[in-house]
Amino acid sequence: MMEPTTAPTHPPKDDPFTKDELAKFDGSDESKPVYVCIKGQVFDVSPKREMYSPGKGYHIFAGKDGSRGLGMSSLKPEDAVADYSTLDDKQRKVLDDWVAYYTKRYNIVGKLVE
């Protein structure tokens, strides 16, 4: 496995984000960071902005919680939703692996709230 090219630079924060607030960090505004939410944790993926910009492969996860799609290993927009209750055990393991991957590489800047 490759060593991470990025690493967190500060302790996790638990600033609250609503869905609407999170949507403002989808990579379309160059002056703002890019955030991806997984299982309610908001990660700053700006160090890899080029992968999350509009038109790029992971853009469907930018500015939202796309947990279900990550667990399914799907890049379909309709799968990039927060509700992962339909995932089977194997898919939940994949999702948990993504959380671990992001936690090692990116700063946690907040959590999704209703």
PDB file of N, CA and C in Angstrom:
ATOM      1  N   MET A   1       0.845  -1.198   0.000  1.00  0.00           N
ATOM      2  CA  MET A   1       0.000   0.000   0.000  1.00  0.00           C
ATOM      3  C   MET A   1       0.886   1.255   0.000  1.00  0.00           C
ATOM      4  N   MET A   2       0.468   2.236  -0.753  1.00  0.00           N
ATOM      5  CA  MET A   2       1.256   3.462  -0.841  1.00  0.00           C
ATOM      6  C   MET A   2       1.151   4.273   0.440  1.00  0.00           C
ATOM      7  N   GLU A   3       2.251   4.926   0.785  1.00  0.00           N
ATOM      8  CA  GLU A   3       2.224   5.831   1.931  1.00  0.00           C
ATOM      9  C   GLU A   3       1.413   7.068   1.556  1.00  0.00           C
ATOM     10  N   PRO A   4       0.708   7.627   2.534  1.00  0.00           N
ATOM     11  CA  PRO A   4      -0.082   8.828   2.231  1.00  0.00           C
ATOM     12  C   PRO A   4       0.814   9.994   1.816  1.00  0.00           C
ATOM     13  N   THR A   5       0.349  10.746   0.850  1.00  0.00           N
ATOM     14  CA  THR A   5       1.096  11.926   0.416  1.00  0.00           C
ATOM     15  C   THR A   5       0.642  13.165   1.183  1.00  0.00           C
ATOM     16  N   THR A   6      -0.461  13.027   1.904  1.00  0.00           N
ATOM     17  CA  THR A   6      -0.937  14.116   2.745  1.00  0.00           C
ATOM     18  C   THR A   6      -1.193  13.544   4.128  1.00  0.00           C
ATOM     19  N   ALA A   7      -1.222  14.421   5.118  1.00  0.00           N
ATOM     20  CA  ALA A   7      -1.504  13.988   6.487  1.00  0.00           C
ATOM     21  C   ALA A   7      -2.205  15.122   7.219  1.00  0.00           C
ATOM     22  N   PRO A   8      -3.002  14.788   8.231  1.00  0.00           N
ATOM     23  CA  PRO A   8      -3.668  15.850   8.996  1.00  0.00           C
ATOM     24  C   PRO A   8      -2.647  16.806   9.612  1.00  0.00           C
ATOM     25  N   THR A   9      -2.987  18.072   9.669  1.00  0.00           N
ATOM     26  CA  THR A   9      -2.085  19.069  10.242  1.00  0.00           C
ATOM     27  C   THR A   9      -2.630  19.662  11.535  1.00  0.00           C
ATOM     28  N   HIS A  10      -3.844  19.317  11.907  1.00  0.00           N
ATOM     29  CA  HIS A  10      -4.379  19.786  13.186  1.00  0.00           C
ATOM     30  C   HIS A  10      -5.348  18.759  13.755  1.00  0.00           C
ATOM     31  N   PRO A  11      -5.596  18.830  15.070  1.00  0.00           N
ATOM     32  CA  PRO A  11      -6.516  17.871  15.689  1.00  0.00           C
ATOM     33  C   PRO A  11      -7.913  17.986  15.093  1.00  0.00           C
ATOM     34  N   PRO A  12      -8.687  16.898  15.153  1.00  0.00           N
ATOM     35  CA  PRO A  12     -10.053  16.947  14.616  1.00  0.00           C
ATOM     36  C   PRO A  12     -10.897  18.030  15.283  1.00  0.00           C
ATOM     37  N   LYS A  13     -11.728  18.672  14.492  1.00  0.00           N
ATOM     38  CA  LYS A  13     -12.674  19.665  14.999  1.00  0.00           C
ATOM     39  C   LYS A  13     -14.069  19.061  14.902  1.00  0.00           C
ATOM     40  N   ASP A  14     -15.006  19.603  15.663  1.00  0.00           N
ATOM     41  CA  ASP A  14     -16.378  19.113  15.529  1.00  0.00           C
ATOM     42  C   ASP A  14     -17.349  20.245  15.242  1.00  0.00           C
ATOM     43  N   ASP A  15     -16.875  21.210  14.430  1.00  0.00           N
ATOM     44  CA  ASP A  15     -17.748  22.299  14.013  1.00  0.00           C
ATOM     45  C   ASP A  15     -18.954  21.717  13.271  1.00  0.00           C
ATOM     46  N   PRO A  16     -20.155  22.198  13.586  1.00  0.00           N
ATOM     47  CA  PRO A  16     -21.342  21.668  12.916  1.00  0.00           C
ATOM     48  C   PRO A  16     -21.518  22.242  11.507  1.00  0.00           C
ATOM     49  N   PHE A  17     -21.891  21.374  10.581  1.00  0.00           N
ATOM     50  CA  PHE A  17     -22.221  21.768   9.207  1.00  0.00           C
ATOM     51  C   PHE A  17     -23.603  21.234   8.878  1.00  0.00           C
ATOM     52  N   THR A  18     -24.453  22.086   8.306  1.00  0.00           N
ATOM     53  CA  THR A  18     -25.711  21.599   7.751  1.00  0.00           C
ATOM     54  C   THR A  18     -25.421  21.133   6.322  1.00  0.00           C
ATOM     55  N   LYS A  19     -26.363  20.415   5.721  1.00  0.00           N
ATOM     56  CA  LYS A  19     -26.198  19.987   4.323  1.00  0.00           C
ATOM     57  C   LYS A  19     -25.971  21.185   3.408  1.00  0.00           C
ATOM     58  N   ASP A  20     -26.741  22.262   3.644  1.00  0.00           N
ATOM     59  CA  ASP A  20     -26.623  23.450   2.796  1.00  0.00           C
ATOM     60  C   ASP A  20     -25.257  24.108   2.944  1.00  0.00           C
ATOM     61  N   GLU A  21     -24.749  24.162   4.182  1.00  0.00           N
ATOM     62  CA  GLU A  21     -23.424  24.747   4.401  1.00  0.00           C
ATOM     63  C   GLU A  21     -22.348  23.895   3.736  1.00  0.00           C
ATOM     64  N   LEU A  22     -22.453  22.594   3.900  1.00  0.00           N
ATOM     65  CA  LEU A  22     -21.475  21.673   3.324  1.00  0.00           C
ATOM     66  C   LEU A  22     -21.439  21.788   1.807  1.00  0.00           C
ATOM     67  N   ALA A  23     -22.602  21.985   1.200  1.00  0.00           N
ATOM     68  CA  ALA A  23     -22.707  22.071  -0.264  1.00  0.00           C
ATOM     69  C   ALA A  23     -21.893  23.227  -0.844  1.00  0.00           C
ATOM     70  N   LYS A  24     -21.579  24.237  -0.033  1.00  0.00           N
ATOM     71  CA  LYS A  24     -20.798  25.387  -0.508  1.00  0.00           C
ATOM     72  C   LYS A  24     -19.332  25.034  -0.710  1.00  0.00           C
ATOM     73  N   PHE A  25     -18.917  23.855  -0.227  1.00  0.00           N
ATOM     74  CA  PHE A  25     -17.521  23.446  -0.310  1.00  0.00           C
ATOM     75  C   PHE A  25     -17.342  22.285  -1.292  1.00  0.00           C
ATOM     76  N   ASP A  26     -17.951  22.431  -2.479  1.00  0.00           N
ATOM     77  CA  ASP A  26     -17.963  21.344  -3.462  1.00  0.00           C
ATOM     78  C   ASP A  26     -16.877  21.465  -4.526  1.00  0.00           C
ATOM     79  N   GLY A  27     -15.938  22.392  -4.333  1.00  0.00           N
ATOM     80  CA  GLY A  27     -14.833  22.526  -5.280  1.00  0.00           C
ATOM     81  C   GLY A  27     -15.080  23.486  -6.419  1.00  0.00           C
ATOM     82  N   SER A  28     -16.300  24.007  -6.525  1.00  0.00           N
ATOM     83  CA  SER A  28     -16.599  24.910  -7.643  1.00  0.00           C
ATOM     84  C   SER A  28     -16.087  26.333  -7.398  1.00  0.00           C
ATOM     85  N   ASP A  29     -15.822  26.682  -6.130  1.00  0.00           N
ATOM     86  CA  ASP A  29     -15.285  28.007  -5.788  1.00  0.00           C
ATOM     87  C   ASP A  29     -13.828  27.834  -5.366  1.00  0.00           C
ATOM     88  N   GLU A  30     -12.917  28.299  -6.220  1.00  0.00           N
ATOM     89  CA  GLU A  30     -11.474  28.136  -5.979  1.00  0.00           C
ATOM     90  C   GLU A  30     -11.009  28.781  -4.675  1.00  0.00           C
ATOM     91  N   SER A  31     -11.758  29.757  -4.166  1.00  0.00           N
ATOM     92  CA  SER A  31     -11.329  30.466  -2.954  1.00  0.00           C
ATOM     93  C   SER A  31     -11.715  29.724  -1.672  1.00  0.00           C
ATOM     94  N   LYS A  32     -12.502  28.664  -1.816  1.00  0.00           N
ATOM     95  CA  LYS A  32     -12.949  27.900  -0.644  1.00  0.00           C
ATOM     96  C   LYS A  32     -12.310  26.526  -0.630  1.00  0.00           C
ATOM     97  N   PRO A  33     -12.131  25.958   0.581  1.00  0.00           N
ATOM     98  CA  PRO A  33     -11.637  24.579   0.631  1.00  0.00           C
ATOM     99  C   PRO A  33     -12.668  23.596   0.078  1.00  0.00           C
ATOM    100  N   VAL A  34     -12.235  22.368  -0.178  1.00  0.00           N
ATOM    101  CA  VAL A  34     -13.126  21.311  -0.657  1.00  0.00           C
ATOM    102  C   VAL A  34     -13.337  20.327   0.487  1.00  0.00           C
ATOM    103  N   TYR A  35     -14.606  20.054   0.798  1.00  0.00           N
ATOM    104  CA  TYR A  35     -14.932  19.146   1.891  1.00  0.00           C
ATOM    105  C   TYR A  35     -15.678  17.926   1.373  1.00  0.00           C
ATOM    106  N   VAL A  36     -15.371  16.775   1.971  1.00  0.00           N
ATOM    107  CA  VAL A  36     -16.084  15.533   1.716  1.00  0.00           C
ATOM    108  C   VAL A  36     -16.525  14.996   3.066  1.00  0.00           C
ATOM    109  N   CYS A  37     -17.764  14.535   3.138  1.00  0.00           N
ATOM    110  CA  CYS A  37     -18.295  14.016   4.385  1.00  0.00           C
ATOM    111  C   CYS A  37     -18.506  12.505   4.258  1.00  0.00           C
ATOM    112  N   ILE A  38     -18.040  11.765   5.268  1.00  0.00           N
ATOM    113  CA  ILE A  38     -18.235  10.312   5.296  1.00  0.00           C
ATOM    114  C   ILE A  38     -18.752   9.937   6.674  1.00  0.00           C
ATOM    115  N   LYS A  39     -19.894   9.266   6.707  1.00  0.00           N
ATOM    116  CA  LYS A  39     -20.508   8.848   7.969  1.00  0.00           C
ATOM    117  C   LYS A  39     -20.604  10.019   8.948  1.00  0.00           C
ATOM    118  N   GLY A  40     -20.920  11.196   8.391  1.00  0.00           N
ATOM    119  CA  GLY A  40     -21.145  12.370   9.225  1.00  0.00           C
ATOM    120  C   GLY A  40     -19.904  13.160   9.601  1.00  0.00           C
ATOM    121  N   GLN A  41     -18.715  12.662   9.275  1.00  0.00           N
ATOM    122  CA  GLN A  41     -17.481  13.399   9.547  1.00  0.00           C
ATOM    123  C   GLN A  41     -17.085  14.186   8.311  1.00  0.00           C
ATOM    124  N   VAL A  42     -16.760  15.472   8.514  1.00  0.00           N
ATOM    125  CA  VAL A  42     -16.404  16.345   7.391  1.00  0.00           C
ATOM    126  C   VAL A  42     -14.880  16.454   7.295  1.00  0.00           C
ATOM    127  N   PHE A  43     -14.356  16.049   6.140  1.00  0.00           N
ATOM    128  CA  PHE A  43     -12.915  16.076   5.888  1.00  0.00           C
ATOM    129  C   PHE A  43     -12.573  17.188   4.905  1.00  0.00           C
ATOM    130  N   ASP A  44     -11.440  17.881   5.161  1.00  0.00           N
ATOM    131  CA  ASP A  44     -10.939  18.886   4.228  1.00  0.00           C
ATOM    132  C   ASP A  44     -10.003  18.184   3.242  1.00  0.00           C
ATOM    133  N   VAL A  45     -10.486  17.964   2.022  1.00  0.00           N
ATOM    134  CA  VAL A  45      -9.693  17.264   1.009  1.00  0.00           C
ATOM    135  C   VAL A  45      -8.987  18.234   0.058  1.00  0.00           C
ATOM    136  N   SER A  46      -8.883  19.486   0.462  1.00  0.00           N
ATOM    137  CA  SER A  46      -8.256  20.515  -0.377  1.00  0.00           C
ATOM    138  C   SER A  46      -6.851  20.159  -0.862  1.00  0.00           C
ATOM    139  N   PRO A  47      -6.024  19.434  -0.050  1.00  0.00           N
ATOM    140  CA  PRO A  47      -4.698  19.085  -0.574  1.00  0.00           C
ATOM    141  C   PRO A  47      -4.761  18.258  -1.862  1.00  0.00           C
ATOM    142  N   LYS A  48      -5.869  17.595  -2.100  1.00  0.00           N
ATOM    143  CA  LYS A  48      -6.062  16.814  -3.328  1.00  0.00           C
ATOM    144  C   LYS A  48      -7.207  17.404  -4.170  1.00  0.00           C
ATOM    145  N   ARG A  49      -7.336  18.719  -4.103  1.00  0.00           N
ATOM    146  CA  ARG A  49      -8.409  19.437  -4.802  1.00  0.00           C
ATOM    147  C   ARG A  49      -8.588  18.972  -6.239  1.00  0.00           C
ATOM    148  N   GLU A  50      -7.476  18.667  -6.911  1.00  0.00           N
ATOM    149  CA  GLU A  50      -7.552  18.291  -8.336  1.00  0.00           C
ATOM    150  C   GLU A  50      -8.398  17.038  -8.560  1.00  0.00           C
ATOM    151  N   MET A  51      -8.572  16.206  -7.535  1.00  0.00           N
ATOM    152  CA  MET A  51      -9.377  14.988  -7.684  1.00  0.00           C
ATOM    153  C   MET A  51     -10.870  15.235  -7.437  1.00  0.00           C
ATOM    154  N   TYR A  52     -11.182  16.392  -6.830  1.00  0.00           N
ATOM    155  CA  TYR A  52     -12.561  16.671  -6.418  1.00  0.00           C
ATOM    156  C   TYR A  52     -13.192  17.843  -7.157  1.00  0.00           C
ATOM    157  N   SER A  53     -12.446  18.460  -8.068  1.00  0.00           N
ATOM    158  CA  SER A  53     -12.960  19.606  -8.813  1.00  0.00           C
ATOM    159  C   SER A  53     -14.061  19.173  -9.777  1.00  0.00           C
ATOM    160  N   PRO A  54     -14.918  20.122 -10.184  1.00  0.00           N
ATOM    161  CA  PRO A  54     -15.963  19.788 -11.157  1.00  0.00           C
ATOM    162  C   PRO A  54     -15.369  19.119 -12.396  1.00  0.00           C
ATOM    163  N   GLY A  55     -15.996  18.012 -12.808  1.00  0.00           N
ATOM    164  CA  GLY A  55     -15.524  17.281 -13.969  1.00  0.00           C
ATOM    165  C   GLY A  55     -14.551  16.160 -13.630  1.00  0.00           C
ATOM    166  N   LYS A  56     -14.080  16.109 -12.397  1.00  0.00           N
ATOM    167  CA  LYS A  56     -13.135  15.063 -11.985  1.00  0.00           C
ATOM    168  C   LYS A  56     -13.879  13.894 -11.349  1.00  0.00           C
ATOM    169  N   GLY A  57     -13.199  12.751 -11.267  1.00  0.00           N
ATOM    170  CA  GLY A  57     -13.814  11.503 -10.828  1.00  0.00           C
ATOM    171  C   GLY A  57     -14.525  11.543  -9.490  1.00  0.00           C
ATOM    172  N   TYR A  58     -13.929  12.227  -8.510  1.00  0.00           N
ATOM    173  CA  TYR A  58     -14.507  12.210  -7.166  1.00  0.00           C
ATOM    174  C   TYR A  58     -15.369  13.433  -6.863  1.00  0.00           C
ATOM    175  N   HIS A  59     -15.644  14.243  -7.884  1.00  0.00           N
ATOM    176  CA  HIS A  59     -16.436  15.450  -7.648  1.00  0.00           C
ATOM    177  C   HIS A  59     -17.825  15.140  -7.077  1.00  0.00           C
ATOM    178  N   ILE A  60     -18.377  13.972  -7.391  1.00  0.00           N
ATOM    179  CA  ILE A  60     -19.719  13.653  -6.884  1.00  0.00           C
ATOM    180  C   ILE A  60     -19.753  13.562  -5.365  1.00  0.00           C
ATOM    181  N   PHE A  61     -18.592  13.392  -4.709  1.00  0.00           N
ATOM    182  CA  PHE A  61     -18.549  13.324  -3.248  1.00  0.00           C
ATOM    183  C   PHE A  61     -18.262  14.679  -2.606  1.00  0.00           C
ATOM    184  N   ALA A  62     -17.837  15.655  -3.409  1.00  0.00           N
ATOM    185  CA  ALA A  62     -17.450  16.959  -2.868  1.00  0.00           C
ATOM    186  C   ALA A  62     -18.671  17.740  -2.397  1.00  0.00           C
ATOM    187  N   GLY A  63     -18.574  18.292  -1.191  1.00  0.00           N
ATOM    188  CA  GLY A  63     -19.648  19.122  -0.658  1.00  0.00           C
ATOM    189  C   GLY A  63     -20.849  18.341  -0.171  1.00  0.00           C
ATOM    190  N   LYS A  64     -20.681  17.022   0.074  1.00  0.00           N
ATOM    191  CA  LYS A  64     -21.812  16.231   0.572  1.00  0.00           C
ATOM    192  C   LYS A  64     -21.311  14.995   1.288  1.00  0.00           C
ATOM    193  N   ASP A  65     -22.246  14.294   1.918  1.00  0.00           N
ATOM    194  CA  ASP A  65     -21.951  12.998   2.512  1.00  0.00           C
ATOM    195  C   ASP A  65     -22.371  11.946   1.498  1.00  0.00           C
ATOM    196  N   GLY A  66     -21.398  11.296   0.896  1.00  0.00           N
ATOM    197  CA  GLY A  66     -21.664  10.273  -0.119  1.00  0.00           C
ATOM    198  C   GLY A  66     -21.344   8.878   0.382  1.00  0.00           C
ATOM    199  N   SER A  67     -21.574   8.646   1.674  1.00  0.00           N
ATOM    200  CA  SER A  67     -21.175   7.386   2.306  1.00  0.00           C
ATOM    201  C   SER A  67     -21.640   6.145   1.553  1.00  0.00           C
ATOM    202  N   ARG A  68     -22.891   6.143   1.116  1.00  0.00           N
ATOM    203  CA  ARG A  68     -23.428   4.958   0.438  1.00  0.00           C
ATOM    204  C   ARG A  68     -22.609   4.621  -0.812  1.00  0.00           C
ATOM    205  N   GLY A  69     -22.314   5.634  -1.626  1.00  0.00           N
ATOM    206  CA  GLY A  69     -21.540   5.413  -2.841  1.00  0.00           C
ATOM    207  C   GLY A  69     -20.134   4.903  -2.562  1.00  0.00           C
ATOM    208  N   LEU A  70     -19.493   5.421  -1.512  1.00  0.00           N
ATOM    209  CA  LEU A  70     -18.159   4.946  -1.155  1.00  0.00           C
ATOM    210  C   LEU A  70     -18.211   3.477  -0.743  1.00  0.00           C
ATOM    211  N   GLY A  71     -19.197   3.123   0.060  1.00  0.00           N
ATOM    212  CA  GLY A  71     -19.337   1.732   0.495  1.00  0.00           C
ATOM    213  C   GLY A  71     -19.596   0.783  -0.665  1.00  0.00           C
ATOM    214  N   MET A  72     -20.328   1.282  -1.671  1.00  0.00           N
ATOM    215  CA  MET A  72     -20.661   0.472  -2.848  1.00  0.00           C
ATOM    216  C   MET A  72     -19.561   0.520  -3.914  1.00  0.00           C
ATOM    217  N   SER A  73     -18.522   1.328  -3.668  1.00  0.00           N
ATOM    218  CA  SER A  73     -17.485   1.578  -4.675  1.00  0.00           C
ATOM    219  C   SER A  73     -18.121   2.076  -5.972  1.00  0.00           C
ATOM    220  N   SER A  74     -19.098   2.960  -5.820  1.00  0.00           N
ATOM    221  CA  SER A  74     -19.840   3.488  -6.963  1.00  0.00           C
ATOM    222  C   SER A  74     -19.551   4.970  -7.157  1.00  0.00           C
ATOM    223  N   LEU A  75     -19.380   5.375  -8.417  1.00  0.00           N
ATOM    224  CA  LEU A  75     -19.211   6.793  -8.736  1.00  0.00           C
ATOM    225  C   LEU A  75     -20.472   7.361  -9.388  1.00  0.00           C
ATOM    226  N   LYS A  76     -21.604   6.664  -9.226  1.00  0.00           N
ATOM    227  CA  LYS A  76     -22.865   7.160  -9.774  1.00  0.00           C
ATOM    228  C   LYS A  76     -23.427   8.218  -8.824  1.00  0.00           C
ATOM    229  N   PRO A  77     -23.832   9.367  -9.378  1.00  0.00           N
ATOM    230  CA  PRO A  77     -24.371  10.434  -8.528  1.00  0.00           C
ATOM    231  C   PRO A  77     -25.535   9.977  -7.652  1.00  0.00           C
ATOM    232  N   GLU A  78     -26.384   9.084  -8.173  1.00  0.00           N
ATOM    233  CA  GLU A  78     -27.548   8.660  -7.386  1.00  0.00           C
ATOM    234  C   GLU A  78     -27.154   7.808  -6.176  1.00  0.00           C
ATOM    235  N   ASP A  79     -25.922   7.262  -6.179  1.00  0.00           N
ATOM    236  CA  ASP A  79     -25.452   6.480  -5.039  1.00  0.00           C
ATOM    237  C   ASP A  79     -24.728   7.336  -4.003  1.00  0.00           C
ATOM    238  N   ALA A  80     -24.337   8.550  -4.380  1.00  0.00           N
ATOM    239  CA  ALA A  80     -23.577   9.420  -3.480  1.00  0.00           C
ATOM    240  C   ALA A  80     -24.514  10.117  -2.496  1.00  0.00           C
ATOM    241  N   VAL A  81     -25.058   9.317  -1.573  1.00  0.00           N
ATOM    242  CA  VAL A  81     -25.972   9.839  -0.560  1.00  0.00           C
ATOM    243  C   VAL A  81     -25.491   9.397   0.818  1.00  0.00           C
ATOM    244  N   ALA A  82     -25.970  10.085   1.852  1.00  0.00           N
ATOM    245  CA  ALA A  82     -25.518   9.832   3.217  1.00  0.00           C
ATOM    246  C   ALA A  82     -26.046   8.525   3.786  1.00  0.00           C
ATOM    247  N   ASP A  83     -27.249   8.118   3.382  1.00  0.00           N
ATOM    248  CA  ASP A  83     -27.891   6.945   3.965  1.00  0.00           C
ATOM    249  C   ASP A  83     -27.212   5.662   3.492  1.00  0.00           C
ATOM    250  N   TYR A  84     -26.468   5.033   4.397  1.00  0.00           N
ATOM    251  CA  TYR A  84     -25.785   3.788   4.037  1.00  0.00           C
ATOM    252  C   TYR A  84     -26.426   2.580   4.713  1.00  0.00           C
ATOM    253  N   SER A  85     -27.673   2.720   5.165  1.00  0.00           N
ATOM    254  CA  SER A  85     -28.362   1.643   5.889  1.00  0.00           C
ATOM    255  C   SER A  85     -28.613   0.418   5.007  1.00  0.00           C
ATOM    256  N   THR A  86     -28.595   0.582   3.679  1.00  0.00           N
ATOM    257  CA  THR A  86     -28.851  -0.540   2.773  1.00  0.00           C
ATOM    258  C   THR A  86     -27.591  -1.349   2.463  1.00  0.00           C
ATOM    259  N   LEU A  87     -26.433  -0.895   2.944  1.00  0.00           N
ATOM    260  CA  LEU A  87     -25.190  -1.603   2.638  1.00  0.00           C
ATOM    261  C   LEU A  87     -25.125  -2.932   3.389  1.00  0.00           C
ATOM    262  N   ASP A  88     -24.546  -3.943   2.718  1.00  0.00           N
ATOM    263  CA  ASP A  88     -24.336  -5.215   3.402  1.00  0.00           C
ATOM    264  C   ASP A  88     -23.026  -5.149   4.210  1.00  0.00           C
ATOM    265  N   ASP A  89     -22.700  -6.222   4.926  1.00  0.00           N
ATOM    266  CA  ASP A  89     -21.529  -6.217   5.802  1.00  0.00           C
ATOM    267  C   ASP A  89     -20.234  -5.919   5.052  1.00  0.00           C
ATOM    268  N   LYS A  90     -20.100  -6.512   3.875  1.00  0.00           N
ATOM    269  CA  LYS A  90     -18.895  -6.300   3.076  1.00  0.00           C
ATOM    270  C   LYS A  90     -18.779  -4.826   2.667  1.00  0.00           C
ATOM    271  N   GLN A  91     -19.890  -4.235   2.245  1.00  0.00           N
ATOM    272  CA  GLN A  91     -19.885  -2.828   1.832  1.00  0.00           C
ATOM    273  C   GLN A  91     -19.632  -1.906   3.027  1.00  0.00           C
ATOM    274  N   ARG A  92     -20.156  -2.276   4.190  1.00  0.00           N
ATOM    275  CA  ARG A  92     -19.901  -1.477   5.402  1.00  0.00           C
ATOM    276  C   ARG A  92     -18.421  -1.500   5.763  1.00  0.00           C
ATOM    277  N   LYS A  93     -17.768  -2.646   5.546  1.00  0.00           N
ATOM    278  CA  LYS A  93     -16.327  -2.745   5.784  1.00  0.00           C
ATOM    279  C   LYS A  93     -15.573  -1.825   4.825  1.00  0.00           C
ATOM    280  N   VAL A  94     -15.978  -1.813   3.568  1.00  0.00           N
ATOM    281  CA  VAL A  94     -15.365  -0.911   2.585  1.00  0.00           C
ATOM    282  C   VAL A  94     -15.536   0.540   3.035  1.00  0.00           C
ATOM    283  N   LEU A  95     -16.740   0.881   3.491  1.00  0.00           N
ATOM    284  CA  LEU A  95     -17.005   2.244   3.965  1.00  0.00           C
ATOM    285  C   LEU A  95     -16.120   2.589   5.157  1.00  0.00           C
ATOM    286  N   ASP A  96     -16.008   1.664   6.113  1.00  0.00           N
ATOM    287  CA  ASP A  96     -15.143   1.901   7.282  1.00  0.00           C
ATOM    288  C   ASP A  96     -13.682   2.062   6.873  1.00  0.00           C
ATOM    289  N   ASP A  97     -13.260   1.312   5.846  1.00  0.00           N
ATOM    290  CA  ASP A  97     -11.897   1.455   5.334  1.00  0.00           C
ATOM    291  C   ASP A  97     -11.680   2.855   4.749  1.00  0.00           C
ATOM    292  N   TRP A  98     -12.699   3.387   4.074  1.00  0.00           N
ATOM    293  CA  TRP A  98     -12.601   4.754   3.548  1.00  0.00           C
ATOM    294  C   TRP A  98     -12.472   5.764   4.681  1.00  0.00           C
ATOM    295  N   VAL A  99     -13.243   5.573   5.739  1.00  0.00           N
ATOM    296  CA  VAL A  99     -13.146   6.483   6.891  1.00  0.00           C
ATOM    297  C   VAL A  99     -11.722   6.458   7.448  1.00  0.00           C
ATOM    298  N   ALA A 100     -11.155   5.265   7.601  1.00  0.00           N
ATOM    299  CA  ALA A 100      -9.788   5.137   8.117  1.00  0.00           C
ATOM    300  C   ALA A 100      -8.786   5.814   7.176  1.00  0.00           C
ATOM    301  N   TYR A 101      -8.980   5.603   5.870  1.00  0.00           N
ATOM    302  CA  TYR A 101      -8.108   6.192   4.849  1.00  0.00           C
ATOM    303  C   TYR A 101      -8.124   7.724   4.940  1.00  0.00           C
ATOM    304  N   TYR A 102      -9.319   8.286   4.974  1.00  0.00           N
ATOM    305  CA  TYR A 102      -9.449   9.748   5.033  1.00  0.00           C
ATOM    306  C   TYR A 102      -8.920  10.292   6.353  1.00  0.00           C
ATOM    307  N   THR A 103      -9.156   9.572   7.448  1.00  0.00           N
ATOM    308  CA  THR A 103      -8.715  10.036   8.766  1.00  0.00           C
ATOM    309  C   THR A 103      -7.196  10.154   8.829  1.00  0.00           C
ATOM    310  N   LYS A 104      -6.491   9.256   8.133  1.00  0.00           N
ATOM    311  CA  LYS A 104      -5.027   9.294   8.123  1.00  0.00           C
ATOM    312  C   LYS A 104      -4.490  10.407   7.238  1.00  0.00           C
ATOM    313  N   ARG A 105      -5.275  10.857   6.283  1.00  0.00           N
ATOM    314  CA  ARG A 105      -4.764  11.767   5.269  1.00  0.00           C
ATOM    315  C   ARG A 105      -5.249  13.209   5.348  1.00  0.00           C
ATOM    316  N   TYR A 106      -6.442  13.409   5.894  1.00  0.00           N
ATOM    317  CA  TYR A 106      -7.039  14.747   5.843  1.00  0.00           C
ATOM    318  C   TYR A 106      -7.491  15.239   7.212  1.00  0.00           C
ATOM    319  N   ASN A 107      -7.529  16.554   7.347  1.00  0.00           N
ATOM    320  CA  ASN A 107      -8.052  17.148   8.572  1.00  0.00           C
ATOM    321  C   ASN A 107      -9.556  16.958   8.663  1.00  0.00           C
ATOM    322  N   ILE A 108     -10.017  16.603   9.846  1.00  0.00           N
ATOM    323  CA  ILE A 108     -11.462  16.574  10.122  1.00  0.00           C
ATOM    324  C   ILE A 108     -11.840  17.964  10.592  1.00  0.00           C
ATOM    325  N   VAL A 109     -12.741  18.611   9.844  1.00  0.00           N
ATOM    326  CA  VAL A 109     -13.085  20.001  10.141  1.00  0.00           C
ATOM    327  C   VAL A 109     -14.452  20.155  10.782  1.00  0.00           C
ATOM    328  N   GLY A 110     -15.205  19.069  10.880  1.00  0.00           N
ATOM    329  CA  GLY A 110     -16.518  19.205  11.492  1.00  0.00           C
ATOM    330  C   GLY A 110     -17.342  17.954  11.362  1.00  0.00           C
ATOM    331  N   LYS A 111     -18.631  18.122  11.690  1.00  0.00           N
ATOM    332  CA  LYS A 111     -19.566  17.007  11.568  1.00  0.00           C
ATOM    333  C   LYS A 111     -20.869  17.518  10.979  1.00  0.00           C
ATOM    334  N   LEU A 112     -21.547  16.619  10.275  1.00  0.00           N
ATOM    335  CA  LEU A 112     -22.815  16.963   9.646  1.00  0.00           C
ATOM    336  C   LEU A 112     -23.923  16.933  10.697  1.00  0.00           C
ATOM    337  N   VAL A 113     -24.727  17.981  10.705  1.00  0.00           N
ATOM    338  CA  VAL A 113     -25.856  18.054  11.617  1.00  0.00           C
ATOM    339  C   VAL A 113     -27.134  18.257  10.807  1.00  0.00           C
ATOM    340  N   GLU A 114     -28.257  17.907  11.416  1.00  0.00           N
ATOM    341  CA  GLU A 114     -29.534  18.066  10.712  1.00  0.00           C
ATOM    342  C   GLU A 114     -29.952  19.526  10.673  1.00  0.00           C
TER     343      GLU A 114
END
